[in-house]
Amino acid sequence: MGVEELLALPATVNVTTAARALGIGRDKAYELIRSGAFPVRTLPLGGTIRVPTAELWKVLGVEERQATGAGM
């Protein structure tokens, strides 16, 4: 997943999308979530798990100025 695609993500994403951004498989992502080792905070919402996009950006080194377009 490229930076442009990362920046176009909504405020939260599902685990499959977060895993793709991190370069890991869906099953590995769920394994890491279950063990408490997923590198991004997750939000359990009923039977769904969401991942905050801003935190995903931090882990991937996407700077806020890239996300907001400031300084361009």
C-alpha atoms as a PDB file:
ATOM      1  CA  MET A   1       0.000   0.000   0.000  1.00  0.00           C
ATOM      2  CA  GLY A   2       1.470   3.337  -1.039  1.00  0.00           C
ATOM      3  CA  VAL A   3       1.437   6.623   0.857  1.00  0.00           C
ATOM      4  CA  GLU A   4      -1.299   8.074  -1.340  1.00  0.00           C
ATOM      5  CA  GLU A   5      -3.557   5.126  -0.590  1.00  0.00           C
ATOM      6  CA  LEU A   6      -2.713   5.338   3.136  1.00  0.00           C
ATOM      7  CA  LEU A   7      -3.643   9.018   3.206  1.00  0.00           C
ATOM      8  CA  ALA A   8      -6.997   8.282   1.563  1.00  0.00           C
ATOM      9  CA  LEU A   9      -8.091   5.848   4.279  1.00  0.00           C
ATOM     10  CA  PRO A  10     -11.069   6.732   6.497  1.00  0.00           C
ATOM     11  CA  ALA A  11     -10.642   7.526  10.225  1.00  0.00           C
ATOM     12  CA  THR A  12     -10.707   3.830  11.137  1.00  0.00           C
ATOM     13  CA  VAL A  13     -10.102   0.722   9.073  1.00  0.00           C
ATOM     14  CA  ASN A  14     -10.784  -2.967   9.485  1.00  0.00           C
ATOM     15  CA  VAL A  15      -8.061  -5.416  10.498  1.00  0.00           C
ATOM     16  CA  THR A  16      -7.634  -6.714   6.942  1.00  0.00           C
ATOM     17  CA  THR A  17      -6.858  -3.218   5.626  1.00  0.00           C
ATOM     18  CA  ALA A  18      -4.531  -2.452   8.544  1.00  0.00           C
ATOM     19  CA  ALA A  19      -2.711  -5.741   7.981  1.00  0.00           C
ATOM     20  CA  ARG A  20      -2.288  -4.939   4.294  1.00  0.00           C
ATOM     21  CA  ALA A  21      -0.827  -1.528   5.173  1.00  0.00           C
ATOM     22  CA  LEU A  22       1.605  -3.202   7.592  1.00  0.00           C
ATOM     23  CA  GLY A  23       2.595  -5.819   5.037  1.00  0.00           C
ATOM     24  CA  ILE A  24       1.302  -8.792   7.014  1.00  0.00           C
ATOM     25  CA  GLY A  25      -1.496 -11.259   6.437  1.00  0.00           C
ATOM     26  CA  ARG A  26      -4.939 -11.050   7.991  1.00  0.00           C
ATOM     27  CA  ASP A  27      -4.463 -14.225  10.036  1.00  0.00           C
ATOM     28  CA  LYS A  28      -1.149 -12.944  11.433  1.00  0.00           C
ATOM     29  CA  ALA A  29      -2.798  -9.619  12.321  1.00  0.00           C
ATOM     30  CA  TYR A  30      -5.543 -11.365  14.297  1.00  0.00           C
ATOM     31  CA  GLU A  31      -2.941 -13.568  15.994  1.00  0.00           C
ATOM     32  CA  LEU A  32      -1.008 -10.444  17.051  1.00  0.00           C
ATOM     33  CA  ILE A  33      -4.199  -8.765  18.283  1.00  0.00           C
ATOM     34  CA  ARG A  34      -5.112 -11.815  20.379  1.00  0.00           C
ATOM     35  CA  SER A  35      -1.635 -11.920  21.919  1.00  0.00           C
ATOM     36  CA  GLY A  36      -1.584  -8.171  22.595  1.00  0.00           C
ATOM     37  CA  ALA A  37       1.354  -7.649  20.210  1.00  0.00           C
ATOM     38  CA  PHE A  38      -0.373  -5.815  17.343  1.00  0.00           C
ATOM     39  CA  PRO A  39       1.679  -2.638  16.783  1.00  0.00           C
ATOM     40  CA  VAL A  40      -1.386  -0.355  16.686  1.00  0.00           C
ATOM     41  CA  ARG A  41      -4.150   0.194  19.236  1.00  0.00           C
ATOM     42  CA  THR A  42      -7.347  -1.562  18.222  1.00  0.00           C
ATOM     43  CA  LEU A  43     -10.954  -0.652  18.968  1.00  0.00           C
ATOM     44  CA  PRO A  44     -13.228  -3.620  19.681  1.00  0.00           C
ATOM     45  CA  LEU A  45     -16.749  -2.609  18.633  1.00  0.00           C
ATOM     46  CA  GLY A  46     -19.169  -5.448  19.221  1.00  0.00           C
ATOM     47  CA  GLY A  47     -18.036  -8.292  16.980  1.00  0.00           C
ATOM     48  CA  THR A  48     -15.807  -5.995  14.920  1.00  0.00           C
ATOM     49  CA  ILE A  49     -12.300  -4.679  15.477  1.00  0.00           C
ATOM     50  CA  ARG A  50     -11.354  -1.294  14.023  1.00  0.00           C
ATOM     51  CA  VAL A  51      -7.894   0.266  13.777  1.00  0.00           C
ATOM     52  CA  PRO A  52      -7.448   4.066  14.068  1.00  0.00           C
ATOM     53  CA  THR A  53      -5.847   5.277  10.838  1.00  0.00           C
ATOM     54  CA  ALA A  54      -3.862   8.092  12.513  1.00  0.00           C
ATOM     55  CA  GLU A  55      -2.136   5.536  14.739  1.00  0.00           C
ATOM     56  CA  LEU A  56      -1.459   3.322  11.743  1.00  0.00           C
ATOM     57  CA  TRP A  57       0.185   6.322  10.040  1.00  0.00           C
ATOM     58  CA  LYS A  58       2.440   6.845  13.096  1.00  0.00           C
ATOM     59  CA  VAL A  59       3.629   3.237  13.078  1.00  0.00           C
ATOM     60  CA  LEU A  60       4.330   3.460   9.344  1.00  0.00           C
ATOM     61  CA  GLY A  61       6.149   6.793   9.626  1.00  0.00           C
ATOM     62  CA  VAL A  62       3.622   8.822   7.661  1.00  0.00           C
ATOM     63  CA  GLU A  63       4.089  12.341   8.978  1.00  0.00           C
ATOM     64  CA  GLU A  64       1.150  14.548   9.846  1.00  0.00           C
ATOM     65  CA  ARG A  65       2.204  17.229   7.351  1.00  0.00           C
ATOM     66  CA  GLN A  66       1.886  14.624   4.577  1.00  0.00           C
ATOM     67  CA  ALA A  67      -1.570  13.768   5.806  1.00  0.00           C
ATOM     68  CA  THR A  68      -2.794  17.365   6.055  1.00  0.00           C
ATOM     69  CA  GLY A  69      -0.946  18.723   3.034  1.00  0.00           C
ATOM     70  CA  ALA A  70       0.783  21.390   5.157  1.00  0.00           C
ATOM     71  CA  GLY A  71       4.130  22.626   4.009  1.00  0.00           C
ATOM     72  CA  MET A  72       3.592  21.702   0.368  1.00  0.00           C
END
